[in-house]
Amino acid sequence: MEELLASRTRYRTLKIELLKLSKRIEGADPEDILFYQEICEKYASHLKAIETACYERIGASICNCQFHSGQQCN
């Protein structure tokens, strides 16, 4: 259960940071947009890795920061 909670906390923290960055893309200068997009892609790949690891280790999926046992997110 501790591992599940740790995965959820890490996932939620990264997702919040990703959302903050994605908002900066809309308000950024045109030359900064590519920079923020690349960072967002890295955050998104980390989120996907957490989802996969959580499912493989615990058998639970993370969807919108909620856990669903026995199924993976689409």
C-alpha atoms as a PDB file:
ATOM      1  CA  MET A   1       0.000   0.000   0.000  1.00  0.00           C
ATOM      2  CA  GLU A   2       2.904   2.355   0.714  1.00  0.00           C
ATOM      3  CA  GLU A   3       4.252   1.809  -2.789  1.00  0.00           C
ATOM      4  CA  LEU A   4       0.842   2.623  -4.244  1.00  0.00           C
ATOM      5  CA  LEU A   5       0.634   5.830  -2.218  1.00  0.00           C
ATOM      6  CA  ALA A   6       4.170   6.837  -3.225  1.00  0.00           C
ATOM      7  CA  SER A   7       3.371   6.263  -6.914  1.00  0.00           C
ATOM      8  CA  ARG A   8       0.183   8.268  -6.632  1.00  0.00           C
ATOM      9  CA  THR A   9       1.946  11.162  -4.901  1.00  0.00           C
ATOM     10  CA  ARG A  10       4.759  11.229  -7.452  1.00  0.00           C
ATOM     11  CA  TYR A  11       2.282  11.020 -10.329  1.00  0.00           C
ATOM     12  CA  ARG A  12       0.138  13.844  -8.935  1.00  0.00           C
ATOM     13  CA  THR A  13       3.157  16.101  -8.371  1.00  0.00           C
ATOM     14  CA  LEU A  14       4.448  15.576 -11.906  1.00  0.00           C
ATOM     15  CA  LYS A  15       0.992  16.101 -13.383  1.00  0.00           C
ATOM     16  CA  ILE A  16       0.605  19.430 -11.573  1.00  0.00           C
ATOM     17  CA  GLU A  17       4.006  20.561 -12.864  1.00  0.00           C
ATOM     18  CA  LEU A  18       3.053  19.487 -16.386  1.00  0.00           C
ATOM     19  CA  LEU A  19      -0.160  21.506 -16.198  1.00  0.00           C
ATOM     20  CA  LYS A  20       1.745  24.575 -15.001  1.00  0.00           C
ATOM     21  CA  LEU A  21       4.175  24.246 -17.902  1.00  0.00           C
ATOM     22  CA  SER A  22       1.438  23.743 -20.469  1.00  0.00           C
ATOM     23  CA  LYS A  23      -0.185  27.005 -19.350  1.00  0.00           C
ATOM     24  CA  ARG A  24       3.114  28.790 -19.933  1.00  0.00           C
ATOM     25  CA  ILE A  25       3.140  27.566 -23.534  1.00  0.00           C
ATOM     26  CA  GLU A  26      -0.015  29.548 -24.279  1.00  0.00           C
ATOM     27  CA  GLY A  27       1.366  32.730 -22.752  1.00  0.00           C
ATOM     28  CA  ALA A  28       4.986  32.353 -23.839  1.00  0.00           C
ATOM     29  CA  ASP A  29       6.858  34.259 -26.478  1.00  0.00           C
ATOM     30  CA  PRO A  30       6.934  32.366 -29.788  1.00  0.00           C
ATOM     31  CA  GLU A  31      10.634  31.505 -29.402  1.00  0.00           C
ATOM     32  CA  ASP A  32       9.977  29.961 -25.962  1.00  0.00           C
ATOM     33  CA  ILE A  33       7.072  27.750 -27.052  1.00  0.00           C
ATOM     34  CA  LEU A  34       9.277  24.952 -28.432  1.00  0.00           C
ATOM     35  CA  PHE A  35      11.307  24.940 -25.208  1.00  0.00           C
ATOM     36  CA  TYR A  36       8.204  24.508 -23.039  1.00  0.00           C
ATOM     37  CA  GLN A  37       6.766  21.880 -25.378  1.00  0.00           C
ATOM     38  CA  GLU A  38       9.926  19.776 -25.076  1.00  0.00           C
ATOM     39  CA  ILE A  39       9.804  19.973 -21.279  1.00  0.00           C
ATOM     40  CA  CYS A  40       6.124  18.991 -21.307  1.00  0.00           C
ATOM     41  CA  GLU A  41       6.922  15.962 -23.457  1.00  0.00           C
ATOM     42  CA  LYS A  42       9.535  14.844 -20.919  1.00  0.00           C
ATOM     43  CA  TYR A  43       7.054  15.238 -18.049  1.00  0.00           C
ATOM     44  CA  ALA A  44       4.468  13.273 -20.022  1.00  0.00           C
ATOM     45  CA  SER A  45       6.922  10.431 -20.633  1.00  0.00           C
ATOM     46  CA  HIS A  46       7.683  10.298 -16.897  1.00  0.00           C
ATOM     47  CA  LEU A  47       3.958  10.130 -16.132  1.00  0.00           C
ATOM     48  CA  LYS A  48       3.551   7.246 -18.580  1.00  0.00           C
ATOM     49  CA  ALA A  49       6.502   5.434 -16.993  1.00  0.00           C
ATOM     50  CA  ILE A  50       4.918   5.776 -13.544  1.00  0.00           C
ATOM     51  CA  GLU A  51       1.607   4.429 -14.880  1.00  0.00           C
ATOM     52  CA  THR A  52       3.342   1.428 -16.440  1.00  0.00           C
ATOM     53  CA  ALA A  53       5.501   0.675 -13.397  1.00  0.00           C
ATOM     54  CA  CYS A  54       2.516   0.958 -11.074  1.00  0.00           C
ATOM     55  CA  TYR A  55       0.495  -1.449 -13.185  1.00  0.00           C
ATOM     56  CA  GLU A  56       3.355  -3.952 -13.490  1.00  0.00           C
ATOM     57  CA  ARG A  57       4.259  -3.923  -9.780  1.00  0.00           C
ATOM     58  CA  ILE A  58       0.893  -3.490  -8.119  1.00  0.00           C
ATOM     59  CA  GLY A  59      -1.674  -4.362 -10.776  1.00  0.00           C
ATOM     60  CA  ALA A  60      -3.326  -0.955 -10.486  1.00  0.00           C
ATOM     61  CA  SER A  61      -3.595   1.799 -13.071  1.00  0.00           C
ATOM     62  CA  ILE A  62      -3.496   5.525 -12.508  1.00  0.00           C
ATOM     63  CA  CYS A  63      -6.159   7.464 -14.421  1.00  0.00           C
ATOM     64  CA  ASN A  64      -6.587  11.138 -13.570  1.00  0.00           C
ATOM     65  CA  CYS A  65      -4.826  10.479 -10.259  1.00  0.00           C
ATOM     66  CA  GLN A  66      -7.297   7.716  -9.403  1.00  0.00           C
ATOM     67  CA  PHE A  67      -6.366   4.053  -9.117  1.00  0.00           C
ATOM     68  CA  HIS A  68      -8.254   1.328 -10.933  1.00  0.00           C
ATOM     69  CA  SER A  69      -7.149  -2.230 -10.288  1.00  0.00           C
ATOM     70  CA  GLY A  70      -6.947  -4.663 -13.180  1.00  0.00           C
ATOM     71  CA  GLN A  71      -7.206  -2.166 -16.037  1.00  0.00           C
ATOM     72  CA  GLN A  72      -4.882   0.207 -17.834  1.00  0.00           C
ATOM     73  CA  CYS A  73      -5.565   3.755 -18.895  1.00  0.00           C
ATOM     74  CA  ASN A  74      -6.301   4.470 -22.523  1.00  0.00           C
END
